[in-house]
Amino acid sequence: MAPSPSALLRRAVWGRGGDRIRATWRILLGFGVVLGVLLGGSRLLGRVAFPDVLLNSPVALLVAVAVGAYAVIASLVPGERPLRG
């Protein structure tokens, strides 16, 4: 008997053990979170006029926020270590 589509999808996402999301999906999740924050932030920063001296500061802050957002999202994914870990 062939496995159901939901069982195939569950195995593709969760793997054999079923307690952790596969690394591929965790990497794609992180890429999506960081890319989303960077793209959304760049649209917001594009509307604000900054002096030439401070041109790199908003970008550095945006990258820090993106990495922080990824850390929070990654800690909420089942099977991952919490932020305290």
PDB file of N, CA and C in Angstrom:
ATOM      1  N   MET A   1       0.851  -1.177   0.000  1.00  0.00           N
ATOM      2  CA  MET A   1       0.000   0.000   0.000  1.00  0.00           C
ATOM      3  C   MET A   1       0.900   1.245   0.000  1.00  0.00           C
ATOM      4  N   ALA A   2       0.598   2.180  -0.870  1.00  0.00           N
ATOM      5  CA  ALA A   2       1.390   3.404  -1.013  1.00  0.00           C
ATOM      6  C   ALA A   2       1.070   4.368   0.130  1.00  0.00           C
ATOM      7  N   PRO A   3       2.100   5.093   0.606  1.00  0.00           N
ATOM      8  CA  PRO A   3       1.842   6.074   1.670  1.00  0.00           C
ATOM      9  C   PRO A   3       0.973   7.226   1.163  1.00  0.00           C
ATOM     10  N   SER A   4       0.238   7.821   2.073  1.00  0.00           N
ATOM     11  CA  SER A   4      -0.636   8.935   1.717  1.00  0.00           C
ATOM     12  C   SER A   4       0.197  10.176   1.398  1.00  0.00           C
ATOM     13  N   PRO A   5      -0.379  11.135   0.669  1.00  0.00           N
ATOM     14  CA  PRO A   5       0.355  12.372   0.370  1.00  0.00           C
ATOM     15  C   PRO A   5       0.786  13.123   1.630  1.00  0.00           C
ATOM     16  N   SER A   6      -0.053  13.108   2.662  1.00  0.00           N
ATOM     17  CA  SER A   6       0.333  13.814   3.890  1.00  0.00           C
ATOM     18  C   SER A   6       1.508  13.120   4.573  1.00  0.00           C
ATOM     19  N   ALA A   7       1.571  11.801   4.499  1.00  0.00           N
ATOM     20  CA  ALA A   7       2.699  11.075   5.086  1.00  0.00           C
ATOM     21  C   ALA A   7       3.979  11.363   4.308  1.00  0.00           C
ATOM     22  N   LEU A   8       3.875  11.450   2.984  1.00  0.00           N
ATOM     23  CA  LEU A   8       5.053  11.776   2.175  1.00  0.00           C
ATOM     24  C   LEU A   8       5.542  13.190   2.471  1.00  0.00           C
ATOM     25  N   LEU A   9       4.607  14.136   2.595  1.00  0.00           N
ATOM     26  CA  LEU A   9       4.978  15.514   2.910  1.00  0.00           C
ATOM     27  C   LEU A   9       5.611  15.600   4.293  1.00  0.00           C
ATOM     28  N   ARG A  10       5.035  14.909   5.263  1.00  0.00           N
ATOM     29  CA  ARG A  10       5.574  14.919   6.619  1.00  0.00           C
ATOM     30  C   ARG A  10       6.993  14.356   6.634  1.00  0.00           C
ATOM     31  N   ARG A  11       7.225  13.285   5.873  1.00  0.00           N
ATOM     32  CA  ARG A  11       8.556  12.684   5.825  1.00  0.00           C
ATOM     33  C   ARG A  11       9.551  13.608   5.106  1.00  0.00           C
ATOM     34  N   ALA A  12       9.077  14.340   4.105  1.00  0.00           N
ATOM     35  CA  ALA A  12       9.951  15.259   3.379  1.00  0.00           C
ATOM     36  C   ALA A  12      10.364  16.443   4.250  1.00  0.00           C
ATOM     37  N   VAL A  13       9.476  16.887   5.125  1.00  0.00           N
ATOM     38  CA  VAL A  13       9.767  18.041   5.972  1.00  0.00           C
ATOM     39  C   VAL A  13      10.457  17.621   7.266  1.00  0.00           C
ATOM     40  N   TRP A  14       9.955  16.579   7.917  1.00  0.00           N
ATOM     41  CA  TRP A  14      10.429  16.216   9.246  1.00  0.00           C
ATOM     42  C   TRP A  14      11.500  15.129   9.245  1.00  0.00           C
ATOM     43  N   GLY A  15      11.659  14.390   8.199  1.00  0.00           N
ATOM     44  CA  GLY A  15      12.660  13.330   8.188  1.00  0.00           C
ATOM     45  C   GLY A  15      12.147  12.064   8.835  1.00  0.00           C
ATOM     46  N   ARG A  16      13.049  11.145   9.103  1.00  0.00           N
ATOM     47  CA  ARG A  16      12.653   9.827   9.616  1.00  0.00           C
ATOM     48  C   ARG A  16      12.272   9.853  11.081  1.00  0.00           C
ATOM     49  N   GLY A  17      13.045  10.587  11.887  1.00  0.00           N
ATOM     50  CA  GLY A  17      12.778  10.595  13.326  1.00  0.00           C
ATOM     51  C   GLY A  17      11.501  11.329  13.685  1.00  0.00           C
ATOM     52  N   GLY A  18      11.154  12.345  12.943  1.00  0.00           N
ATOM     53  CA  GLY A  18       9.940  13.108  13.202  1.00  0.00           C
ATOM     54  C   GLY A  18      10.057  14.111  14.331  1.00  0.00           C
ATOM     55  N   ASP A  19      11.260  14.285  14.885  1.00  0.00           N
ATOM     56  CA  ASP A  19      11.398  15.218  15.996  1.00  0.00           C
ATOM     57  C   ASP A  19      12.091  16.518  15.608  1.00  0.00           C
ATOM     58  N   ARG A  20      12.697  16.566  14.410  1.00  0.00           N
ATOM     59  CA  ARG A  20      13.378  17.774  13.949  1.00  0.00           C
ATOM     60  C   ARG A  20      13.057  18.027  12.489  1.00  0.00           C
ATOM     61  N   ILE A  21      12.956  19.291  12.144  1.00  0.00           N
ATOM     62  CA  ILE A  21      12.768  19.655  10.744  1.00  0.00           C
ATOM     63  C   ILE A  21      14.098  19.441  10.028  1.00  0.00           C
ATOM     64  N   ARG A  22      14.038  18.965   8.809  1.00  0.00           N
ATOM     65  CA  ARG A  22      15.267  18.724   8.054  1.00  0.00           C
ATOM     66  C   ARG A  22      16.074  20.009   7.902  1.00  0.00           C
ATOM     67  N   ALA A  23      17.389  19.850   7.783  1.00  0.00           N
ATOM     68  CA  ALA A  23      18.292  20.995   7.708  1.00  0.00           C
ATOM     69  C   ALA A  23      17.987  21.874   6.499  1.00  0.00           C
ATOM     70  N   THR A  24      17.588  21.260   5.405  1.00  0.00           N
ATOM     71  CA  THR A  24      17.269  22.040   4.202  1.00  0.00           C
ATOM     72  C   THR A  24      16.178  23.061   4.487  1.00  0.00           C
ATOM     73  N   TRP A  25      15.135  22.642   5.177  1.00  0.00           N
ATOM     74  CA  TRP A  25      14.021  23.543   5.468  1.00  0.00           C
ATOM     75  C   TRP A  25      14.417  24.585   6.491  1.00  0.00           C
ATOM     76  N   ARG A  26      15.281  24.226   7.446  1.00  0.00           N
ATOM     77  CA  ARG A  26      15.744  25.214   8.424  1.00  0.00           C
ATOM     78  C   ARG A  26      16.594  26.283   7.740  1.00  0.00           C
ATOM     79  N   ILE A  27      17.437  25.873   6.793  1.00  0.00           N
ATOM     80  CA  ILE A  27      18.258  26.836   6.057  1.00  0.00           C
ATOM     81  C   ILE A  27      17.378  27.749   5.214  1.00  0.00           C
ATOM     82  N   LEU A  28      16.397  27.169   4.523  1.00  0.00           N
ATOM     83  CA  LEU A  28      15.494  27.978   3.704  1.00  0.00           C
ATOM     84  C   LEU A  28      14.660  28.922   4.562  1.00  0.00           C
ATOM     85  N   LEU A  29      14.252  28.466   5.738  1.00  0.00           N
ATOM     86  CA  LEU A  29      13.509  29.332   6.655  1.00  0.00           C
ATOM     87  C   LEU A  29      14.371  30.522   7.075  1.00  0.00           C
ATOM     88  N   GLY A  30      15.612  30.256   7.445  1.00  0.00           N
ATOM     89  CA  GLY A  30      16.514  31.336   7.829  1.00  0.00           C
ATOM     90  C   GLY A  30      16.771  32.301   6.689  1.00  0.00           C
ATOM     91  N   PHE A  31      16.987  31.764   5.496  1.00  0.00           N
ATOM     92  CA  PHE A  31      17.195  32.608   4.324  1.00  0.00           C
ATOM     93  C   PHE A  31      15.973  33.488   4.074  1.00  0.00           C
ATOM     94  N   GLY A  32      14.784  32.916   4.187  1.00  0.00           N
ATOM     95  CA  GLY A  32      13.554  33.679   3.970  1.00  0.00           C
ATOM     96  C   GLY A  32      13.360  34.778   4.998  1.00  0.00           C
ATOM     97  N   VAL A  33      13.663  34.479   6.268  1.00  0.00           N
ATOM     98  CA  VAL A  33      13.506  35.490   7.319  1.00  0.00           C
ATOM     99  C   VAL A  33      14.488  36.637   7.106  1.00  0.00           C
ATOM    100  N   VAL A  34      15.758  36.316   6.877  1.00  0.00           N
ATOM    101  CA  VAL A  34      16.765  37.364   6.695  1.00  0.00           C
ATOM    102  C   VAL A  34      16.471  38.180   5.437  1.00  0.00           C
ATOM    103  N   LEU A  35      16.131  37.501   4.352  1.00  0.00           N
ATOM    104  CA  LEU A  35      15.821  38.206   3.113  1.00  0.00           C
ATOM    105  C   LEU A  35      14.590  39.094   3.274  1.00  0.00           C
ATOM    106  N   GLY A  36      13.578  38.601   3.956  1.00  0.00           N
ATOM    107  CA  GLY A  36      12.375  39.399   4.179  1.00  0.00           C
ATOM    108  C   GLY A  36      12.644  40.647   4.999  1.00  0.00           C
ATOM    109  N   VAL A  37      13.434  40.508   6.065  1.00  0.00           N
ATOM    110  CA  VAL A  37      13.759  41.674   6.889  1.00  0.00           C
ATOM    111  C   VAL A  37      14.604  42.666   6.100  1.00  0.00           C
ATOM    112  N   LEU A  38      15.583  42.157   5.350  1.00  0.00           N
ATOM    113  CA  LEU A  38      16.436  43.064   4.582  1.00  0.00           C
ATOM    114  C   LEU A  38      15.659  43.789   3.490  1.00  0.00           C
ATOM    115  N   LEU A  39      14.801  43.073   2.769  1.00  0.00           N
ATOM    116  CA  LEU A  39      14.030  43.720   1.710  1.00  0.00           C
ATOM    117  C   LEU A  39      13.005  44.698   2.273  1.00  0.00           C
ATOM    118  N   GLY A  40      12.312  44.278   3.324  1.00  0.00           N
ATOM    119  CA  GLY A  40      11.339  45.172   3.944  1.00  0.00           C
ATOM    120  C   GLY A  40      11.988  46.393   4.553  1.00  0.00           C
ATOM    121  N   GLY A  41      13.118  46.189   5.220  1.00  0.00           N
ATOM    122  CA  GLY A  41      13.836  47.303   5.819  1.00  0.00           C
ATOM    123  C   GLY A  41      14.419  48.249   4.781  1.00  0.00           C
ATOM    124  N   SER A  42      14.888  47.693   3.673  1.00  0.00           N
ATOM    125  CA  SER A  42      15.458  48.567   2.644  1.00  0.00           C
ATOM    126  C   SER A  42      14.380  49.443   2.007  1.00  0.00           C
ATOM    127  N   ARG A  43      13.165  48.905   1.918  1.00  0.00           N
ATOM    128  CA  ARG A  43      12.070  49.740   1.403  1.00  0.00           C
ATOM    129  C   ARG A  43      11.748  50.870   2.366  1.00  0.00           C
ATOM    130  N   LEU A  44      11.799  50.577   3.662  1.00  0.00           N
ATOM    131  CA  LEU A  44      11.547  51.623   4.653  1.00  0.00           C
ATOM    132  C   LEU A  44      12.688  52.634   4.687  1.00  0.00           C
ATOM    133  N   LEU A  45      13.929  52.136   4.623  1.00  0.00           N
ATOM    134  CA  LEU A  45      15.074  53.044   4.672  1.00  0.00           C
ATOM    135  C   LEU A  45      15.201  53.868   3.404  1.00  0.00           C
ATOM    136  N   GLY A  46      14.661  53.380   2.303  1.00  0.00           N
ATOM    137  CA  GLY A  46      14.731  54.134   1.054  1.00  0.00           C
ATOM    138  C   GLY A  46      13.923  55.411   1.091  1.00  0.00           C
ATOM    139  N   ARG A  47      12.972  55.480   2.004  1.00  0.00           N
ATOM    140  CA  ARG A  47      12.120  56.670   2.102  1.00  0.00           C
ATOM    141  C   ARG A  47      12.698  57.732   3.037  1.00  0.00           C
ATOM    142  N   VAL A  48      13.753  57.387   3.774  1.00  0.00           N
ATOM    143  CA  VAL A  48      14.341  58.305   4.745  1.00  0.00           C
ATOM    144  C   VAL A  48      15.651  58.841   4.188  1.00  0.00           C
ATOM    145  N   ALA A  49      15.835  60.133   4.275  1.00  0.00           N
ATOM    146  CA  ALA A  49      17.080  60.754   3.803  1.00  0.00           C
ATOM    147  C   ALA A  49      18.101  60.754   4.944  1.00  0.00           C
ATOM    148  N   PHE A  50      19.250  60.128   4.700  1.00  0.00           N
ATOM    149  CA  PHE A  50      20.326  60.078   5.691  1.00  0.00           C
ATOM    150  C   PHE A  50      21.495  60.918   5.202  1.00  0.00           C
ATOM    151  N   PRO A  51      22.211  61.546   6.129  1.00  0.00           N
ATOM    152  CA  PRO A  51      23.443  62.239   5.732  1.00  0.00           C
ATOM    153  C   PRO A  51      24.459  61.220   5.199  1.00  0.00           C
ATOM    154  N   ASP A  52      25.358  61.665   4.342  1.00  0.00           N
ATOM    155  CA  ASP A  52      26.339  60.768   3.746  1.00  0.00           C
ATOM    156  C   ASP A  52      27.220  60.083   4.786  1.00  0.00           C
ATOM    157  N   VAL A  53      27.457  60.739   5.897  1.00  0.00           N
ATOM    158  CA  VAL A  53      28.309  60.164   6.935  1.00  0.00           C
ATOM    159  C   VAL A  53      27.652  58.915   7.539  1.00  0.00           C
ATOM    160  N   LEU A  54      26.333  58.910   7.654  1.00  0.00           N
ATOM    161  CA  LEU A  54      25.618  57.807   8.295  1.00  0.00           C
ATOM    162  C   LEU A  54      25.094  56.772   7.308  1.00  0.00           C
ATOM    163  N   LEU A  55      25.607  56.757   6.109  1.00  0.00           N
ATOM    164  CA  LEU A  55      25.047  55.892   5.080  1.00  0.00           C
ATOM    165  C   LEU A  55      25.156  54.420   5.425  1.00  0.00           C
ATOM    166  N   ASN A  56      26.243  53.971   6.032  1.00  0.00           N
ATOM    167  CA  ASN A  56      26.411  52.554   6.346  1.00  0.00           C
ATOM    168  C   ASN A  56      25.752  52.139   7.653  1.00  0.00           C
ATOM    169  N   SER A  57      25.508  53.069   8.550  1.00  0.00           N
ATOM    170  CA  SER A  57      24.923  52.732   9.845  1.00  0.00           C
ATOM    171  C   SER A  57      23.538  52.099   9.731  1.00  0.00           C
ATOM    172  N   PRO A  58      22.609  52.652   8.950  1.00  0.00           N
ATOM    173  CA  PRO A  58      21.295  52.010   8.848  1.00  0.00           C
ATOM    174  C   PRO A  58      21.373  50.607   8.246  1.00  0.00           C
ATOM    175  N   VAL A  59      22.276  50.400   7.313  1.00  0.00           N
ATOM    176  CA  VAL A  59      22.419  49.072   6.707  1.00  0.00           C
ATOM    177  C   VAL A  59      22.949  48.087   7.733  1.00  0.00           C
ATOM    178  N   ALA A  60      23.930  48.492   8.520  1.00  0.00           N
ATOM    179  CA  ALA A  60      24.477  47.624   9.561  1.00  0.00           C
ATOM    180  C   ALA A  60      23.416  47.300  10.603  1.00  0.00           C
ATOM    181  N   LEU A  61      22.611  48.282  10.974  1.00  0.00           N
ATOM    182  CA  LEU A  61      21.525  48.042  11.919  1.00  0.00           C
ATOM    183  C   LEU A  61      20.492  47.090  11.335  1.00  0.00           C
ATOM    184  N   LEU A  62      20.203  47.243  10.065  1.00  0.00           N
ATOM    185  CA  LEU A  62      19.246  46.366   9.399  1.00  0.00           C
ATOM    186  C   LEU A  62      19.742  44.923   9.365  1.00  0.00           C
ATOM    187  N   VAL A  63      21.014  44.727   9.108  1.00  0.00           N
ATOM    188  CA  VAL A  63      21.588  43.378   9.114  1.00  0.00           C
ATOM    189  C   VAL A  63      21.532  42.787  10.524  1.00  0.00           C
ATOM    190  N   ALA A  64      21.811  43.577  11.531  1.00  0.00           N
ATOM    191  CA  ALA A  64      21.745  43.096  12.911  1.00  0.00           C
ATOM    192  C   ALA A  64      20.317  42.690  13.281  1.00  0.00           C
ATOM    193  N   VAL A  65      19.340  43.477  12.852  1.00  0.00           N
ATOM    194  CA  VAL A  65      17.941  43.133  13.109  1.00  0.00           C
ATOM    195  C   VAL A  65      17.564  41.850  12.373  1.00  0.00           C
ATOM    196  N   ALA A  66      18.039  41.682  11.148  1.00  0.00           N
ATOM    197  CA  ALA A  66      17.734  40.484  10.376  1.00  0.00           C
ATOM    198  C   ALA A  66      18.305  39.241  11.043  1.00  0.00           C
ATOM    199  N   VAL A  67      19.526  39.320  11.524  1.00  0.00           N
ATOM    200  CA  VAL A  67      20.144  38.176  12.197  1.00  0.00           C
ATOM    201  C   VAL A  67      19.433  37.899  13.516  1.00  0.00           C
ATOM    202  N   GLY A  68      19.041  38.933  14.228  1.00  0.00           N
ATOM    203  CA  GLY A  68      18.281  38.737  15.464  1.00  0.00           C
ATOM    204  C   GLY A  68      16.927  38.104  15.213  1.00  0.00           C
ATOM    205  N   ALA A  69      16.260  38.528  14.141  1.00  0.00           N
ATOM    206  CA  ALA A  69      14.964  37.926  13.795  1.00  0.00           C
ATOM    207  C   ALA A  69      15.143  36.456  13.446  1.00  0.00           C
ATOM    208  N   TYR A  70      16.223  36.140  12.740  1.00  0.00           N
ATOM    209  CA  TYR A  70      16.480  34.735  12.426  1.00  0.00           C
ATOM    210  C   TYR A  70      16.724  33.930  13.693  1.00  0.00           C
ATOM    211  N   ALA A  71      17.457  34.476  14.653  1.00  0.00           N
ATOM    212  CA  ALA A  71      17.725  33.757  15.895  1.00  0.00           C
ATOM    213  C   ALA A  71      16.435  33.464  16.649  1.00  0.00           C
ATOM    214  N   VAL A  72      15.529  34.431  16.670  1.00  0.00           N
ATOM    215  CA  VAL A  72      14.246  34.224  17.359  1.00  0.00           C
ATOM    216  C   VAL A  72      13.410  33.172  16.629  1.00  0.00           C
ATOM    217  N   ILE A  73      13.307  33.276  15.307  1.00  0.00           N
ATOM    218  CA  ILE A  73      12.513  32.312  14.542  1.00  0.00           C
ATOM    219  C   ILE A  73      13.119  30.916  14.646  1.00  0.00           C
ATOM    220  N   ALA A  74      14.436  30.823  14.562  1.00  0.00           N
ATOM    221  CA  ALA A  74      15.092  29.512  14.641  1.00  0.00           C
ATOM    222  C   ALA A  74      14.892  28.872  16.003  1.00  0.00           C
ATOM    223  N   SER A  75      14.793  29.669  17.042  1.00  0.00           N
ATOM    224  CA  SER A  75      14.580  29.095  18.368  1.00  0.00           C
ATOM    225  C   SER A  75      13.155  28.580  18.542  1.00  0.00           C
ATOM    226  N   LEU A  76      12.228  29.051  17.716  1.00  0.00           N
ATOM    227  CA  LEU A  76      10.842  28.597  17.808  1.00  0.00           C
ATOM    228  C   LEU A  76      10.579  27.350  16.983  1.00  0.00           C
ATOM    229  N   VAL A  77      11.498  26.989  16.078  1.00  0.00           N
ATOM    230  CA  VAL A  77      11.327  25.810  15.243  1.00  0.00           C
ATOM    231  C   VAL A  77      11.493  24.575  16.104  1.00  0.00           C
ATOM    232  N   PRO A  78      10.576  23.623  16.018  1.00  0.00           N
ATOM    233  CA  PRO A  78      10.689  22.417  16.839  1.00  0.00           C
ATOM    234  C   PRO A  78      11.995  21.672  16.586  1.00  0.00           C
ATOM    235  N   GLY A  79      12.591  21.185  17.672  1.00  0.00           N
ATOM    236  CA  GLY A  79      13.811  20.427  17.572  1.00  0.00           C
ATOM    237  C   GLY A  79      15.057  21.262  17.669  1.00  0.00           C
ATOM    238  N   GLU A  80      14.919  22.554  17.713  1.00  0.00           N
ATOM    239  CA  GLU A  80      16.084  23.432  17.825  1.00  0.00           C
ATOM    240  C   GLU A  80      16.298  23.818  19.278  1.00  0.00           C
ATOM    241  N   ARG A  81      17.468  24.321  19.559  1.00  0.00           N
ATOM    242  CA  ARG A  81      17.769  24.769  20.913  1.00  0.00           C
ATOM    243  C   ARG A  81      17.071  26.101  21.188  1.00  0.00           C
ATOM    244  N   PRO A  82      16.619  26.317  22.405  1.00  0.00           N
ATOM    245  CA  PRO A  82      16.033  27.614  22.734  1.00  0.00           C
ATOM    246  C   PRO A  82      17.122  28.690  22.768  1.00  0.00           C
ATOM    247  N   LEU A  83      16.716  29.951  22.828  1.00  0.00           N
ATOM    248  CA  LEU A  83      17.685  31.048  22.835  1.00  0.00           C
ATOM    249  C   LEU A  83      18.618  30.954  24.039  1.00  0.00           C
ATOM    250  N   ARG A  84      18.149  30.451  25.169  1.00  0.00           N
ATOM    251  CA  ARG A  84      19.001  30.310  26.359  1.00  0.00           C
ATOM    252  C   ARG A  84      20.094  29.281  26.141  1.00  0.00           C
ATOM    253  N   GLY A  85      19.829  28.300  25.262  1.00  0.00           N
ATOM    254  CA  GLY A  85      20.817  27.244  25.004  1.00  0.00           C
ATOM    255  C   GLY A  85      21.929  27.774  24.171  1.00  0.00           C
TER     256      GLY A  85
END
